[in-house]
Amino acid sequence: MAVHNWQKSSFSGDAANCVYVSATADGAIKIRESDDPDSVITTTPDTLRAFICGVKAGEFDHLTA
C-alpha cells in the first residue's frame, strides 16, 4: 500500500470537516475528506486546476445556496 503525505487545507484550520490532498509518485493527485478518510478521489493536476479555477470563479455557488 502506498504511503501518502497528506496535506490539510489551510482553510480548514481546526475545524472537523477538513480536506486533504496528496501527490503521488506518478503525478496523480489524491483528495480525501476527514469525515470519510477511506474514500479517496484520484485526479490529475490539470483537472484539479480547472476545478479550483471554477470554484474561484463562482461556477459552483448555486450548489451551496
PDB file of N, CA and C in Angstrom:
ATOM      1  N   MET A   1       0.842  -1.178   0.000  1.00  0.00           N
ATOM      2  CA  MET A   1       0.000   0.000   0.000  1.00  0.00           C
ATOM      3  C   MET A   1       0.886   1.241   0.000  1.00  0.00           C
ATOM      4  N   ALA A   2       0.542   2.213  -0.821  1.00  0.00           N
ATOM      5  CA  ALA A   2       1.319   3.440  -0.926  1.00  0.00           C
ATOM      6  C   ALA A   2       1.132   4.312   0.304  1.00  0.00           C
ATOM      7  N   VAL A   3       2.212   4.960   0.697  1.00  0.00           N
ATOM      8  CA  VAL A   3       2.152   5.907   1.802  1.00  0.00           C
ATOM      9  C   VAL A   3       1.981   7.300   1.206  1.00  0.00           C
ATOM     10  N   HIS A   4       0.988   8.036   1.702  1.00  0.00           N
ATOM     11  CA  HIS A   4       0.719   9.374   1.181  1.00  0.00           C
ATOM     12  C   HIS A   4       1.120  10.425   2.195  1.00  0.00           C
ATOM     13  N   ASN A   5       1.657  11.513   1.699  1.00  0.00           N
ATOM     14  CA  ASN A   5       1.978  12.660   2.522  1.00  0.00           C
ATOM     15  C   ASN A   5       0.795  13.626   2.427  1.00  0.00           C
ATOM     16  N   TRP A   6      -0.229  13.396   3.245  1.00  0.00           N
ATOM     17  CA  TRP A   6      -1.451  14.185   3.176  1.00  0.00           C
ATOM     18  C   TRP A   6      -1.214  15.593   3.708  1.00  0.00           C
ATOM     19  N   GLN A   7      -1.694  16.578   2.968  1.00  0.00           N
ATOM     20  CA  GLN A   7      -1.615  17.979   3.376  1.00  0.00           C
ATOM     21  C   GLN A   7      -3.023  18.489   3.605  1.00  0.00           C
ATOM     22  N   LYS A   8      -3.259  19.045   4.788  1.00  0.00           N
ATOM     23  CA  LYS A   8      -4.584  19.578   5.118  1.00  0.00           C
ATOM     24  C   LYS A   8      -4.724  20.988   4.557  1.00  0.00           C
ATOM     25  N   SER A   9      -5.900  21.281   4.065  1.00  0.00           N
ATOM     26  CA  SER A   9      -6.187  22.620   3.589  1.00  0.00           C
ATOM     27  C   SER A   9      -6.008  23.623   4.717  1.00  0.00           C
ATOM     28  N   SER A  10      -5.299  24.717   4.452  1.00  0.00           N
ATOM     29  CA  SER A  10      -5.125  25.752   5.473  1.00  0.00           C
ATOM     30  C   SER A  10      -6.444  26.434   5.800  1.00  0.00           C
ATOM     31  N   PHE A  11      -7.409  26.368   4.901  1.00  0.00           N
ATOM     32  CA  PHE A  11      -8.727  26.952   5.133  1.00  0.00           C
ATOM     33  C   PHE A  11      -9.479  26.191   6.218  1.00  0.00           C
ATOM     34  N   SER A  12      -9.156  24.922   6.391  1.00  0.00           N
ATOM     35  CA  SER A  12      -9.850  24.092   7.369  1.00  0.00           C
ATOM     36  C   SER A  12      -9.547  24.490   8.807  1.00  0.00           C
ATOM     37  N   GLY A  13      -8.355  25.001   9.072  1.00  0.00           N
ATOM     38  CA  GLY A  13      -7.984  25.370  10.436  1.00  0.00           C
ATOM     39  C   GLY A  13      -8.130  24.185  11.371  1.00  0.00           C
ATOM     40  N   ASP A  14      -8.793  24.395  12.501  1.00  0.00           N
ATOM     41  CA  ASP A  14      -9.024  23.314  13.457  1.00  0.00           C
ATOM     42  C   ASP A  14     -10.416  22.712  13.324  1.00  0.00           C
ATOM     43  N   ALA A  15     -11.116  23.038  12.258  1.00  0.00           N
ATOM     44  CA  ALA A  15     -12.475  22.541  12.041  1.00  0.00           C
ATOM     45  C   ALA A  15     -12.463  21.033  11.794  1.00  0.00           C
ATOM     46  N   ALA A  16     -13.625  20.419  11.929  1.00  0.00           N
ATOM     47  CA  ALA A  16     -13.751  18.966  11.758  1.00  0.00           C
ATOM     48  C   ALA A  16     -13.797  18.551  10.289  1.00  0.00           C
ATOM     49  N   ASN A  17     -14.407  19.330   9.435  1.00  0.00           N
ATOM     50  CA  ASN A  17     -14.571  18.964   8.033  1.00  0.00           C
ATOM     51  C   ASN A  17     -13.379  19.447   7.217  1.00  0.00           C
ATOM     52  N   CYS A  18     -12.316  18.664   7.218  1.00  0.00           N
ATOM     53  CA  CYS A  18     -11.073  19.065   6.576  1.00  0.00           C
ATOM     54  C   CYS A  18     -10.886  18.346   5.243  1.00  0.00           C
ATOM     55  N   VAL A  19     -10.310  19.053   4.298  1.00  0.00           N
ATOM     56  CA  VAL A  19      -9.953  18.480   3.007  1.00  0.00           C
ATOM     57  C   VAL A  19      -8.447  18.255   3.001  1.00  0.00           C
ATOM     58  N   TYR A  20      -8.040  17.070   2.555  1.00  0.00           N
ATOM     59  CA  TYR A  20      -6.624  16.730   2.465  1.00  0.00           C
ATOM     60  C   TYR A  20      -6.279  16.395   1.023  1.00  0.00           C
ATOM     61  N   VAL A  21      -5.064  16.753   0.599  1.00  0.00           N
ATOM     62  CA  VAL A  21      -4.576  16.397  -0.733  1.00  0.00           C
ATOM     63  C   VAL A  21      -3.194  15.767  -0.609  1.00  0.00           C
ATOM     64  N   SER A  22      -2.861  14.940  -1.594  1.00  0.00           N
ATOM     65  CA  SER A  22      -1.560  14.296  -1.638  1.00  0.00           C
ATOM     66  C   SER A  22      -1.195  14.040  -3.098  1.00  0.00           C
ATOM     67  N   ALA A  23       0.058  14.298  -3.437  1.00  0.00           N
ATOM     68  CA  ALA A  23       0.550  13.990  -4.781  1.00  0.00           C
ATOM     69  C   ALA A  23       1.249  12.638  -4.741  1.00  0.00           C
ATOM     70  N   THR A  24       1.021  11.825  -5.756  1.00  0.00           N
ATOM     71  CA  THR A  24       1.651  10.512  -5.827  1.00  0.00           C
ATOM     72  C   THR A  24       2.920  10.577  -6.676  1.00  0.00           C
ATOM     73  N   ALA A  25       3.712   9.544  -6.602  1.00  0.00           N
ATOM     74  CA  ALA A  25       4.969   9.490  -7.359  1.00  0.00           C
ATOM     75  C   ALA A  25       4.743   9.585  -8.868  1.00  0.00           C
ATOM     76  N   ASP A  26       3.587   9.086  -9.334  1.00  0.00           N
ATOM     77  CA  ASP A  26       3.307   9.124 -10.772  1.00  0.00           C
ATOM     78  C   ASP A  26       2.610  10.411 -11.213  1.00  0.00           C
ATOM     79  N   GLY A  27       2.452  11.384 -10.295  1.00  0.00           N
ATOM     80  CA  GLY A  27       1.888  12.682 -10.652  1.00  0.00           C
ATOM     81  C   GLY A  27       0.401  12.820 -10.419  1.00  0.00           C
ATOM     82  N   ALA A  28      -0.270  11.776  -9.967  1.00  0.00           N
ATOM     83  CA  ALA A  28      -1.703  11.876  -9.681  1.00  0.00           C
ATOM     84  C   ALA A  28      -1.915  12.673  -8.397  1.00  0.00           C
ATOM     85  N   ILE A  29      -3.099  13.207  -8.253  1.00  0.00           N
ATOM     86  CA  ILE A  29      -3.488  13.933  -7.056  1.00  0.00           C
ATOM     87  C   ILE A  29      -4.583  13.143  -6.352  1.00  0.00           C
ATOM     88  N   LYS A  30      -4.392  12.898  -5.066  1.00  0.00           N
ATOM     89  CA  LYS A  30      -5.386  12.205  -4.243  1.00  0.00           C
ATOM     90  C   LYS A  30      -6.057  13.243  -3.353  1.00  0.00           C
ATOM     91  N   ILE A  31      -7.368  13.129  -3.169  1.00  0.00           N
ATOM     92  CA  ILE A  31      -8.136  14.055  -2.334  1.00  0.00           C
ATOM     93  C   ILE A  31      -9.026  13.222  -1.421  1.00  0.00           C
ATOM     94  N   ARG A  32      -9.071  13.610  -0.151  1.00  0.00           N
ATOM     95  CA  ARG A  32      -9.963  12.935   0.792  1.00  0.00           C
ATOM     96  C   ARG A  32     -10.538  13.963   1.760  1.00  0.00           C
ATOM     97  N   GLU A  33     -11.576  13.562   2.468  1.00  0.00           N
ATOM     98  CA  GLU A  33     -12.241  14.426   3.436  1.00  0.00           C
ATOM     99  C   GLU A  33     -12.140  13.743   4.793  1.00  0.00           C
ATOM    100  N   SER A  34     -11.915  14.514   5.840  1.00  0.00           N
ATOM    101  CA  SER A  34     -11.608  13.931   7.148  1.00  0.00           C
ATOM    102  C   SER A  34     -12.718  13.052   7.716  1.00  0.00           C
ATOM    103  N   ASP A  35     -13.976  13.317   7.378  1.00  0.00           N
ATOM    104  CA  ASP A  35     -15.074  12.514   7.910  1.00  0.00           C
ATOM    105  C   ASP A  35     -15.130  11.113   7.313  1.00  0.00           C
ATOM    106  N   ASP A  36     -14.504  10.909   6.150  1.00  0.00           N
ATOM    107  CA  ASP A  36     -14.505   9.601   5.494  1.00  0.00           C
ATOM    108  C   ASP A  36     -13.149   9.389   4.818  1.00  0.00           C
ATOM    109  N   PRO A  37     -12.075   9.224   5.608  1.00  0.00           N
ATOM    110  CA  PRO A  37     -10.725   9.171   5.040  1.00  0.00           C
ATOM    111  C   PRO A  37     -10.445   7.969   4.140  1.00  0.00           C
ATOM    112  N   ASP A  38     -11.286   6.949   4.187  1.00  0.00           N
ATOM    113  CA  ASP A  38     -11.081   5.799   3.312  1.00  0.00           C
ATOM    114  C   ASP A  38     -11.619   6.022   1.900  1.00  0.00           C
ATOM    115  N   SER A  39     -12.430   7.060   1.722  1.00  0.00           N
ATOM    116  CA  SER A  39     -12.925   7.415   0.387  1.00  0.00           C
ATOM    117  C   SER A  39     -11.978   8.450  -0.202  1.00  0.00           C
ATOM    118  N   VAL A  40     -11.271   8.047  -1.246  1.00  0.00           N
ATOM    119  CA  VAL A  40     -10.254   8.903  -1.851  1.00  0.00           C
ATOM    120  C   VAL A  40     -10.575   9.096  -3.328  1.00  0.00           C
ATOM    121  N   ILE A  41     -10.530  10.337  -3.759  1.00  0.00           N
ATOM    122  CA  ILE A  41     -10.726  10.676  -5.167  1.00  0.00           C
ATOM    123  C   ILE A  41      -9.348  10.861  -5.791  1.00  0.00           C
ATOM    124  N   THR A  42      -9.148  10.321  -6.977  1.00  0.00           N
ATOM    125  CA  THR A  42      -7.889  10.485  -7.701  1.00  0.00           C
ATOM    126  C   THR A  42      -8.149  11.316  -8.946  1.00  0.00           C
ATOM    127  N   THR A  43      -7.302  12.301  -9.177  1.00  0.00           N
ATOM    128  CA  THR A  43      -7.451  13.167 -10.332  1.00  0.00           C
ATOM    129  C   THR A  43      -6.069  13.550 -10.854  1.00  0.00           C
ATOM    130  N   THR A  44      -6.040  14.378 -11.869  1.00  0.00           N
ATOM    131  CA  THR A  44      -4.783  14.865 -12.434  1.00  0.00           C
ATOM    132  C   THR A  44      -4.579  16.322 -12.019  1.00  0.00           C
ATOM    133  N   PRO A  45      -3.345  16.802 -12.063  1.00  0.00           N
ATOM    134  CA  PRO A  45      -3.121  18.213 -11.745  1.00  0.00           C
ATOM    135  C   PRO A  45      -3.922  19.165 -12.636  1.00  0.00           C
ATOM    136  N   ASP A  46      -4.036  18.856 -13.922  1.00  0.00           N
ATOM    137  CA  ASP A  46      -4.786  19.728 -14.832  1.00  0.00           C
ATOM    138  C   ASP A  46      -6.272  19.778 -14.490  1.00  0.00           C
ATOM    139  N   THR A  47      -6.845  18.633 -14.168  1.00  0.00           N
ATOM    140  CA  THR A  47      -8.261  18.593 -13.806  1.00  0.00           C
ATOM    141  C   THR A  47      -8.504  19.303 -12.485  1.00  0.00           C
ATOM    142  N   LEU A  48      -7.624  19.106 -11.510  1.00  0.00           N
ATOM    143  CA  LEU A  48      -7.760  19.806 -10.235  1.00  0.00           C
ATOM    144  C   LEU A  48      -7.626  21.310 -10.435  1.00  0.00           C
ATOM    145  N   ARG A  49      -6.689  21.734 -11.260  1.00  0.00           N
ATOM    146  CA  ARG A  49      -6.507  23.157 -11.551  1.00  0.00           C
ATOM    147  C   ARG A  49      -7.781  23.750 -12.159  1.00  0.00           C
ATOM    148  N   ALA A  50      -8.390  23.055 -13.112  1.00  0.00           N
ATOM    149  CA  ALA A  50      -9.624  23.536 -13.738  1.00  0.00           C
ATOM    150  C   ALA A  50     -10.749  23.628 -12.713  1.00  0.00           C
ATOM    151  N   PHE A  51     -10.848  22.652 -11.815  1.00  0.00           N
ATOM    152  CA  PHE A  51     -11.872  22.674 -10.775  1.00  0.00           C
ATOM    153  C   PHE A  51     -11.664  23.858  -9.840  1.00  0.00           C
ATOM    154  N   ILE A  52     -10.436  24.056  -9.379  1.00  0.00           N
ATOM    155  CA  ILE A  52     -10.152  25.176  -8.477  1.00  0.00           C
ATOM    156  C   ILE A  52     -10.450  26.510  -9.148  1.00  0.00           C
ATOM    157  N   CYS A  53     -10.103  26.648 -10.409  1.00  0.00           N
ATOM    158  CA  CYS A  53     -10.414  27.888 -11.136  1.00  0.00           C
ATOM    159  C   CYS A  53     -11.927  28.096 -11.216  1.00  0.00           C
ATOM    160  N   GLY A  54     -12.677  27.027 -11.442  1.00  0.00           N
ATOM    161  CA  GLY A  54     -14.129  27.118 -11.481  1.00  0.00           C
ATOM    162  C   GLY A  54     -14.712  27.518 -10.142  1.00  0.00           C
ATOM    163  N   VAL A  55     -14.163  26.969  -9.057  1.00  0.00           N
ATOM    164  CA  VAL A  55     -14.624  27.342  -7.714  1.00  0.00           C
ATOM    165  C   VAL A  55     -14.345  28.813  -7.463  1.00  0.00           C
ATOM    166  N   LYS A  56     -13.144  29.260  -7.777  1.00  0.00           N
ATOM    167  CA  LYS A  56     -12.783  30.664  -7.567  1.00  0.00           C
ATOM    168  C   LYS A  56     -13.642  31.608  -8.402  1.00  0.00           C
ATOM    169  N   ALA A  57     -14.071  31.142  -9.563  1.00  0.00           N
ATOM    170  CA  ALA A  57     -14.900  31.969 -10.450  1.00  0.00           C
ATOM    171  C   ALA A  57     -16.374  31.946 -10.069  1.00  0.00           C
ATOM    172  N   GLY A  58     -16.731  31.134  -9.068  1.00  0.00           N
ATOM    173  CA  GLY A  58     -18.119  31.086  -8.610  1.00  0.00           C
ATOM    174  C   GLY A  58     -19.011  30.171  -9.413  1.00  0.00           C
ATOM    175  N   GLU A  59     -18.437  29.305 -10.230  1.00  0.00           N
ATOM    176  CA  GLU A  59     -19.232  28.442 -11.093  1.00  0.00           C
ATOM    177  C   GLU A  59     -20.087  27.421 -10.323  1.00  0.00           C
ATOM    178  N   PHE A  60     -19.771  27.192  -9.055  1.00  0.00           N
ATOM    179  CA  PHE A  60     -20.498  26.183  -8.282  1.00  0.00           C
ATOM    180  C   PHE A  60     -21.282  26.793  -7.122  1.00  0.00           C
ATOM    181  N   ASP A  61     -21.331  28.105  -7.059  1.00  0.00           N
ATOM    182  CA  ASP A  61     -22.009  28.778  -5.954  1.00  0.00           C
ATOM    183  C   ASP A  61     -23.474  28.369  -5.818  1.00  0.00           C
ATOM    184  N   HIS A  62     -24.108  28.068  -6.935  1.00  0.00           N
ATOM    185  CA  HIS A  62     -25.529  27.704  -6.898  1.00  0.00           C
ATOM    186  C   HIS A  62     -25.768  26.386  -6.137  1.00  0.00           C
ATOM    187  N   LEU A  63     -24.719  25.587  -5.975  1.00  0.00           N
ATOM    188  CA  LEU A  63     -24.868  24.320  -5.265  1.00  0.00           C
ATOM    189  C   LEU A  63     -24.913  24.492  -3.748  1.00  0.00           C
ATOM    190  N   THR A  64     -24.493  25.632  -3.275  1.00  0.00           N
ATOM    191  CA  THR A  64     -24.459  25.873  -1.815  1.00  0.00           C
ATOM    192  C   THR A  64     -25.480  26.905  -1.375  1.00  0.00           C
ATOM    193  N   ALA A  65     -26.288  27.358  -2.281  1.00  0.00           N
ATOM    194  CA  ALA A  65     -27.279  28.392  -1.949  1.00  0.00           C
ATOM    195  C   ALA A  65     -28.517  27.783  -1.316  1.00  0.00           C
TER     196      ALA A  65
END
